[in-house]
């Protein structure tokens, strides 16, 4: 699972829906290309935090995703 897929799944879980039915367009709130570039970065010493309608999301270089402070782990 890519970081992008893990992010979509984490937000969908927070919404209580299937990722294919997610009504939030993440691209309207954060650059998915930037997230991909961060994921490809050799260092794990980064954190990205952004707001979605009704949710706060934090992604760390070690693959941790927090949605409203609920932890999800992205698979490498």
PDB file of N, CA and C in Angstrom:
ATOM      1  N   UNK A   1       0.857  -1.175   0.000  1.00  0.00           N
ATOM      2  CA  UNK A   1       0.000   0.000   0.000  1.00  0.00           C
ATOM      3  C   UNK A   1       0.903   1.238   0.000  1.00  0.00           C
ATOM      4  N   UNK A   2       0.631   2.157  -0.901  1.00  0.00           N
ATOM      5  CA  UNK A   2       1.399   3.394  -0.950  1.00  0.00           C
ATOM      6  C   UNK A   2       0.946   4.338   0.161  1.00  0.00           C
ATOM      7  N   UNK A   3       1.741   5.359   0.413  1.00  0.00           N
ATOM      8  CA  UNK A   3       1.360   6.352   1.412  1.00  0.00           C
ATOM      9  C   UNK A   3       0.062   7.040   0.996  1.00  0.00           C
ATOM     10  N   UNK A   4      -0.081   7.309  -0.272  1.00  0.00           N
ATOM     11  CA  UNK A   4      -1.321   7.932  -0.776  1.00  0.00           C
ATOM     12  C   UNK A   4      -2.529   7.043  -0.475  1.00  0.00           C
ATOM     13  N   UNK A   5      -2.418   5.750  -0.772  1.00  0.00           N
ATOM     14  CA  UNK A   5      -3.512   4.817  -0.505  1.00  0.00           C
ATOM     15  C   UNK A   5      -3.803   4.728   0.989  1.00  0.00           C
ATOM     16  N   UNK A   6      -2.743   4.696   1.801  1.00  0.00           N
ATOM     17  CA  UNK A   6      -2.927   4.628   3.254  1.00  0.00           C
ATOM     18  C   UNK A   6      -3.610   5.889   3.768  1.00  0.00           C
ATOM     19  N   UNK A   7      -3.262   7.041   3.208  1.00  0.00           N
ATOM     20  CA  UNK A   7      -3.891   8.301   3.597  1.00  0.00           C
ATOM     21  C   UNK A   7      -5.377   8.286   3.252  1.00  0.00           C
ATOM     22  N   UNK A   8      -5.703   7.863   2.055  1.00  0.00           N
ATOM     23  CA  UNK A   8      -7.108   7.793   1.640  1.00  0.00           C
ATOM     24  C   UNK A   8      -7.878   6.835   2.540  1.00  0.00           C
ATOM     25  N   UNK A   9      -7.293   5.684   2.846  1.00  0.00           N
ATOM     26  CA  UNK A   9      -7.954   4.705   3.718  1.00  0.00           C
ATOM     27  C   UNK A   9      -8.147   5.276   5.126  1.00  0.00           C
ATOM     28  N   UNK A  10      -7.133   5.973   5.647  1.00  0.00           N
ATOM     29  CA  UNK A  10      -7.234   6.537   6.995  1.00  0.00           C
ATOM     30  C   UNK A  10      -8.339   7.587   7.076  1.00  0.00           C
ATOM     31  N   UNK A  11      -8.433   8.443   6.066  1.00  0.00           N
ATOM     32  CA  UNK A  11      -9.488   9.463   6.050  1.00  0.00           C
ATOM     33  C   UNK A  11     -10.856   8.796   5.880  1.00  0.00           C
ATOM     34  N   UNK A  12     -10.937   7.801   5.017  1.00  0.00           N
ATOM     35  CA  UNK A  12     -12.205   7.078   4.831  1.00  0.00           C
ATOM     36  C   UNK A  12     -12.629   6.400   6.129  1.00  0.00           C
ATOM     37  N   UNK A  13     -11.681   5.794   6.843  1.00  0.00           N
ATOM     38  CA  UNK A  13     -12.001   5.171   8.133  1.00  0.00           C
ATOM     39  C   UNK A  13     -12.551   6.205   9.109  1.00  0.00           C
ATOM     40  N   UNK A  14     -11.934   7.392   9.131  1.00  0.00           N
ATOM     41  CA  UNK A  14     -12.407   8.457  10.022  1.00  0.00           C
ATOM     42  C   UNK A  14     -13.811   8.913   9.635  1.00  0.00           C
ATOM     43  N   UNK A  15     -14.116   8.850   8.346  1.00  0.00           N
ATOM     44  CA  UNK A  15     -15.445   9.225   7.849  1.00  0.00           C
ATOM     45  C   UNK A  15     -16.450   8.087   8.010  1.00  0.00           C
ATOM     46  N   UNK A  16     -15.959   6.887   8.299  1.00  0.00           N
ATOM     47  CA  UNK A  16     -16.843   5.734   8.422  1.00  0.00           C
ATOM     48  C   UNK A  16     -17.372   5.251   7.086  1.00  0.00           C
ATOM     49  N   UNK A  17     -16.530   5.348   6.055  1.00  0.00           N
ATOM     50  CA  UNK A  17     -16.958   4.958   4.714  1.00  0.00           C
ATOM     51  C   UNK A  17     -15.868   4.164   4.017  1.00  0.00           C
ATOM     52  N   UNK A  18     -16.207   3.587   2.902  1.00  0.00           N
ATOM     53  CA  UNK A  18     -15.248   2.880   2.064  1.00  0.00           C
ATOM     54  C   UNK A  18     -14.416   3.916   1.304  1.00  0.00           C
ATOM     55  N   UNK A  19     -13.117   3.660   1.086  1.00  0.00           N
ATOM     56  CA  UNK A  19     -12.301   4.627   0.341  1.00  0.00           C
ATOM     57  C   UNK A  19     -12.874   4.999  -1.024  1.00  0.00           C
ATOM     58  N   UNK A  20     -13.535   4.062  -1.693  1.00  0.00           N
ATOM     59  CA  UNK A  20     -14.110   4.360  -3.012  1.00  0.00           C
ATOM     60  C   UNK A  20     -15.307   5.301  -2.926  1.00  0.00           C
ATOM     61  N   UNK A  21     -15.859   5.465  -1.729  1.00  0.00           N
ATOM     62  CA  UNK A  21     -17.022   6.331  -1.542  1.00  0.00           C
ATOM     63  C   UNK A  21     -16.681   7.625  -0.799  1.00  0.00           C
ATOM     64  N   UNK A  22     -15.400   7.886  -0.622  1.00  0.00           N
ATOM     65  CA  UNK A  22     -14.959   9.079   0.098  1.00  0.00           C
ATOM     66  C   UNK A  22     -15.399  10.328  -0.652  1.00  0.00           C
ATOM     67  N   UNK A  23     -16.093  11.218   0.031  1.00  0.00           N
ATOM     68  CA  UNK A  23     -16.621  12.426  -0.610  1.00  0.00           C
ATOM     69  C   UNK A  23     -15.658  13.606  -0.534  1.00  0.00           C
ATOM     70  N   UNK A  24     -14.608  13.484   0.257  1.00  0.00           N
ATOM     71  CA  UNK A  24     -13.616  14.551   0.360  1.00  0.00           C
ATOM     72  C   UNK A  24     -12.595  14.364  -0.757  1.00  0.00           C
ATOM     73  N   UNK A  25     -12.389  15.398  -1.562  1.00  0.00           N
ATOM     74  CA  UNK A  25     -11.345  15.364  -2.586  1.00  0.00           C
ATOM     75  C   UNK A  25     -10.057  15.860  -1.932  1.00  0.00           C
ATOM     76  N   UNK A  26      -9.183  14.935  -1.574  1.00  0.00           N
ATOM     77  CA  UNK A  26      -7.962  15.312  -0.859  1.00  0.00           C
ATOM     78  C   UNK A  26      -7.142  16.328  -1.641  1.00  0.00           C
ATOM     79  N   UNK A  27      -7.139  16.216  -2.961  1.00  0.00           N
ATOM     80  CA  UNK A  27      -6.368  17.125  -3.804  1.00  0.00           C
ATOM     81  C   UNK A  27      -6.825  18.578  -3.672  1.00  0.00           C
ATOM     82  N   UNK A  28      -8.045  18.799  -3.175  1.00  0.00           N
ATOM     83  CA  UNK A  28      -8.530  20.163  -2.957  1.00  0.00           C
ATOM     84  C   UNK A  28      -7.923  20.784  -1.705  1.00  0.00           C
ATOM     85  N   UNK A  29      -7.251  19.973  -0.884  1.00  0.00           N
ATOM     86  CA  UNK A  29      -6.762  20.446   0.406  1.00  0.00           C
ATOM     87  C   UNK A  29      -5.265  20.268   0.606  1.00  0.00           C
ATOM     88  N   UNK A  30      -4.654  19.378  -0.161  1.00  0.00           N
ATOM     89  CA  UNK A  30      -3.220  19.120  -0.025  1.00  0.00           C
ATOM     90  C   UNK A  30      -2.701  18.585  -1.359  1.00  0.00           C
ATOM     91  N   UNK A  31      -1.462  18.908  -1.664  1.00  0.00           N
ATOM     92  CA  UNK A  31      -0.857  18.418  -2.900  1.00  0.00           C
ATOM     93  C   UNK A  31      -0.453  16.955  -2.732  1.00  0.00           C
ATOM     94  N   UNK A  32      -1.115  16.082  -3.457  1.00  0.00           N
ATOM     95  CA  UNK A  32      -0.767  14.666  -3.385  1.00  0.00           C
ATOM     96  C   UNK A  32       0.611  14.431  -4.003  1.00  0.00           C
ATOM     97  N   UNK A  33       1.008  15.256  -4.965  1.00  0.00           N
ATOM     98  CA  UNK A  33       2.350  15.146  -5.544  1.00  0.00           C
ATOM     99  C   UNK A  33       3.405  15.475  -4.490  1.00  0.00           C
ATOM    100  N   UNK A  34       3.132  16.469  -3.652  1.00  0.00           N
ATOM    101  CA  UNK A  34       4.069  16.817  -2.575  1.00  0.00           C
ATOM    102  C   UNK A  34       4.171  15.681  -1.563  1.00  0.00           C
ATOM    103  N   UNK A  35       3.048  15.050  -1.242  1.00  0.00           N
ATOM    104  CA  UNK A  35       3.068  13.909  -0.321  1.00  0.00           C
ATOM    105  C   UNK A  35       3.895  12.781  -0.921  1.00  0.00           C
ATOM    106  N   UNK A  36       3.751  12.533  -2.206  1.00  0.00           N
ATOM    107  CA  UNK A  36       4.532  11.489  -2.873  1.00  0.00           C
ATOM    108  C   UNK A  36       6.023  11.809  -2.804  1.00  0.00           C
ATOM    109  N   UNK A  37       6.387  13.080  -3.051  1.00  0.00           N
ATOM    110  CA  UNK A  37       7.800  13.471  -2.983  1.00  0.00           C
ATOM    111  C   UNK A  37       8.340  13.312  -1.572  1.00  0.00           C
ATOM    112  N   UNK A  38       7.553  13.679  -0.570  1.00  0.00           N
ATOM    113  CA  UNK A  38       7.990  13.480   0.812  1.00  0.00           C
ATOM    114  C   UNK A  38       8.179  11.998   1.108  1.00  0.00           C
ATOM    115  N   UNK A  39       7.275  11.168   0.628  1.00  0.00           N
ATOM    116  CA  UNK A  39       7.365   9.725   0.860  1.00  0.00           C
ATOM    117  C   UNK A  39       8.628   9.142   0.229  1.00  0.00           C
ATOM    118  N   UNK A  40       9.062   9.702  -0.885  1.00  0.00           N
ATOM    119  CA  UNK A  40      10.263   9.229  -1.572  1.00  0.00           C
ATOM    120  C   UNK A  40      11.543   9.779  -0.949  1.00  0.00           C
ATOM    121  N   UNK A  41      11.416  10.746  -0.048  1.00  0.00           N
ATOM    122  CA  UNK A  41      12.574  11.364   0.602  1.00  0.00           C
ATOM    123  C   UNK A  41      13.300  10.328   1.442  1.00  0.00           C
ATOM    124  N   UNK A  42      14.620  10.364   1.425  1.00  0.00           N
ATOM    125  CA  UNK A  42      15.410   9.365   2.148  1.00  0.00           C
ATOM    126  C   UNK A  42      15.306   9.507   3.655  1.00  0.00           C
ATOM    127  N   UNK A  43      15.091  10.696   4.126  1.00  0.00           N
ATOM    128  CA  UNK A  43      14.985  10.934   5.567  1.00  0.00           C
ATOM    129  C   UNK A  43      13.562  10.666   6.044  1.00  0.00           C
ATOM    130  N   UNK A  44      13.448  10.128   7.249  1.00  0.00           N
ATOM    131  CA  UNK A  44      12.134   9.949   7.867  1.00  0.00           C
ATOM    132  C   UNK A  44      11.829  11.097   8.823  1.00  0.00           C
ATOM    133  N   UNK A  45      12.668  12.122   8.822  1.00  0.00           N
ATOM    134  CA  UNK A  45      12.540  13.233   9.773  1.00  0.00           C
ATOM    135  C   UNK A  45      11.676  14.350   9.211  1.00  0.00           C
ATOM    136  N   UNK A  46      10.468  14.026   8.828  1.00  0.00           N
ATOM    137  CA  UNK A  46       9.547  15.055   8.359  1.00  0.00           C
ATOM    138  C   UNK A  46       8.145  14.748   8.869  1.00  0.00           C
ATOM    139  N   UNK A  47       7.362  15.814   8.969  1.00  0.00           N
ATOM    140  CA  UNK A  47       5.960  15.711   9.366  1.00  0.00           C
ATOM    141  C   UNK A  47       5.171  16.723   8.549  1.00  0.00           C
ATOM    142  N   UNK A  48       4.035  16.311   8.048  1.00  0.00           N
ATOM    143  CA  UNK A  48       3.134  17.194   7.310  1.00  0.00           C
ATOM    144  C   UNK A  48       1.793  17.170   8.015  1.00  0.00           C
ATOM    145  N   UNK A  49       1.285  18.348   8.327  1.00  0.00           N
ATOM    146  CA  UNK A  49      -0.009  18.463   9.003  1.00  0.00           C
ATOM    147  C   UNK A  49      -0.893  19.370   8.154  1.00  0.00           C
ATOM    148  N   UNK A  50      -2.139  18.947   7.943  1.00  0.00           N
ATOM    149  CA  UNK A  50      -3.068  19.768   7.167  1.00  0.00           C
ATOM    150  C   UNK A  50      -4.489  19.528   7.645  1.00  0.00           C
ATOM    151  N   UNK A  51      -5.355  20.445   7.263  1.00  0.00           N
ATOM    152  CA  UNK A  51      -6.761  20.405   7.668  1.00  0.00           C
ATOM    153  C   UNK A  51      -7.637  19.980   6.497  1.00  0.00           C
ATOM    154  N   UNK A  52      -8.586  19.134   6.805  1.00  0.00           N
ATOM    155  CA  UNK A  52      -9.668  18.774   5.894  1.00  0.00           C
ATOM    156  C   UNK A  52     -10.962  19.223   6.554  1.00  0.00           C
ATOM    157  N   UNK A  53     -12.047  19.320   5.810  1.00  0.00           N
ATOM    158  CA  UNK A  53     -13.314  19.598   6.481  1.00  0.00           C
ATOM    159  C   UNK A  53     -13.569  18.507   7.529  1.00  0.00           C
ATOM    160  N   UNK A  54     -13.715  18.895   8.753  1.00  0.00           N
ATOM    161  CA  UNK A  54     -14.025  18.002   9.874  1.00  0.00           C
ATOM    162  C   UNK A  54     -12.866  17.150  10.372  1.00  0.00           C
ATOM    163  N   UNK A  55     -11.661  17.275   9.799  1.00  0.00           N
ATOM    164  CA  UNK A  55     -10.546  16.430  10.228  1.00  0.00           C
ATOM    165  C   UNK A  55      -9.225  17.186  10.195  1.00  0.00           C
ATOM    166  N   UNK A  56      -8.333  16.807  11.107  1.00  0.00           N
ATOM    167  CA  UNK A  56      -6.947  17.247  11.084  1.00  0.00           C
ATOM    168  C   UNK A  56      -6.107  16.014  10.792  1.00  0.00           C
ATOM    169  N   UNK A  57      -5.211  16.127   9.819  1.00  0.00           N
ATOM    170  CA  UNK A  57      -4.397  14.994   9.386  1.00  0.00           C
ATOM    171  C   UNK A  57      -2.929  15.332   9.600  1.00  0.00           C
ATOM    172  N   UNK A  58      -2.187  14.362  10.113  1.00  0.00           N
ATOM    173  CA  UNK A  58      -0.743  14.504  10.271  1.00  0.00           C
ATOM    174  C   UNK A  58      -0.084  13.241   9.726  1.00  0.00           C
ATOM    175  N   UNK A  59       0.891  13.433   8.845  1.00  0.00           N
ATOM    176  CA  UNK A  59       1.641  12.329   8.250  1.00  0.00           C
ATOM    177  C   UNK A  59       3.097  12.508   8.646  1.00  0.00           C
ATOM    178  N   UNK A  60       3.738  11.430   9.068  1.00  0.00           N
ATOM    179  CA  UNK A  60       5.149  11.472   9.450  1.00  0.00           C
ATOM    180  C   UNK A  60       5.966  10.606   8.507  1.00  0.00           C
ATOM    181  N   UNK A  61       7.244  10.921   8.418  1.00  0.00           N
ATOM    182  CA  UNK A  61       8.148  10.203   7.533  1.00  0.00           C
ATOM    183  C   UNK A  61       8.304   8.733   7.850  1.00  0.00           C
ATOM    184  N   UNK A  62       7.944   8.323   9.059  1.00  0.00           N
ATOM    185  CA  UNK A  62       8.045   6.902   9.417  1.00  0.00           C
ATOM    186  C   UNK A  62       6.814   6.105   8.991  1.00  0.00           C
ATOM    187  N   UNK A  63       5.872   6.763   8.285  1.00  0.00           N
ATOM    188  CA  UNK A  63       4.681   6.074   7.799  1.00  0.00           C
ATOM    189  C   UNK A  63       3.472   6.197   8.698  1.00  0.00           C
ATOM    190  N   UNK A  64       3.596   6.936   9.800  1.00  0.00           N
ATOM    191  CA  UNK A  64       2.467   7.124  10.701  1.00  0.00           C
ATOM    192  C   UNK A  64       1.519   8.168  10.132  1.00  0.00           C
ATOM    193  N   UNK A  65       0.231   7.862  10.162  1.00  0.00           N
ATOM    194  CA  UNK A  65      -0.805   8.802   9.741  1.00  0.00           C
ATOM    195  C   UNK A  65      -1.752   8.981  10.914  1.00  0.00           C
ATOM    196  N   UNK A  66      -1.977  10.227  11.294  1.00  0.00           N
ATOM    197  CA  UNK A  66      -2.938  10.544  12.347  1.00  0.00           C
ATOM    198  C   UNK A  66      -4.097  11.302  11.718  1.00  0.00           C
ATOM    199  N   UNK A  67      -5.298  10.819  11.946  1.00  0.00           N
ATOM    200  CA  UNK A  67      -6.498  11.550  11.542  1.00  0.00           C
ATOM    201  C   UNK A  67      -7.250  11.815  12.828  1.00  0.00           C
ATOM    202  N   UNK A  68      -7.357  13.096  13.184  1.00  0.00           N
ATOM    203  CA  UNK A  68      -7.971  13.486  14.455  1.00  0.00           C
ATOM    204  C   UNK A  68      -7.302  12.741  15.612  1.00  0.00           C
ATOM    205  N   UNK A  69      -5.976  12.598  15.502  1.00  0.00           N
ATOM    206  CA  UNK A  69      -5.126  11.976  16.518  1.00  0.00           C
ATOM    207  C   UNK A  69      -5.302  10.470  16.646  1.00  0.00           C
ATOM    208  N   UNK A  70      -6.065   9.835  15.755  1.00  0.00           N
ATOM    209  CA  UNK A  70      -6.173   8.370  15.735  1.00  0.00           C
ATOM    210  C   UNK A  70      -5.082   7.845  14.809  1.00  0.00           C
ATOM    211  N   UNK A  71      -4.260   6.957  15.302  1.00  0.00           N
ATOM    212  CA  UNK A  71      -3.061   6.503  14.596  1.00  0.00           C
ATOM    213  C   UNK A  71      -3.358   5.384  13.602  1.00  0.00           C
ATOM    214  N   UNK A  72      -2.754   5.524  12.426  1.00  0.00           N
ATOM    215  CA  UNK A  72      -2.771   4.495  11.390  1.00  0.00           C
ATOM    216  C   UNK A  72      -1.333   4.328  10.933  1.00  0.00           C
ATOM    217  N   UNK A  73      -0.955   3.153  10.555  1.00  0.00           N
ATOM    218  CA  UNK A  73       0.410   2.912  10.083  1.00  0.00           C
ATOM    219  C   UNK A  73       0.366   2.558   8.606  1.00  0.00           C
ATOM    220  N   UNK A  74       1.080   3.324   7.787  1.00  0.00           N
ATOM    221  CA  UNK A  74       1.159   3.033   6.358  1.00  0.00           C
ATOM    222  C   UNK A  74       2.106   1.860   6.148  1.00  0.00           C
ATOM    223  N   UNK A  75       1.765   1.002   5.243  1.00  0.00           N
ATOM    224  CA  UNK A  75       2.645  -0.126   4.918  1.00  0.00           C
ATOM    225  C   UNK A  75       3.710   0.358   3.950  1.00  0.00           C
ATOM    226  N   UNK A  76       4.965  -0.042   4.151  1.00  0.00           N
ATOM    227  CA  UNK A  76       6.035   0.401   3.234  1.00  0.00           C
ATOM    228  C   UNK A  76       5.878  -0.185   1.851  1.00  0.00           C
TER     229      UNK A  76
END
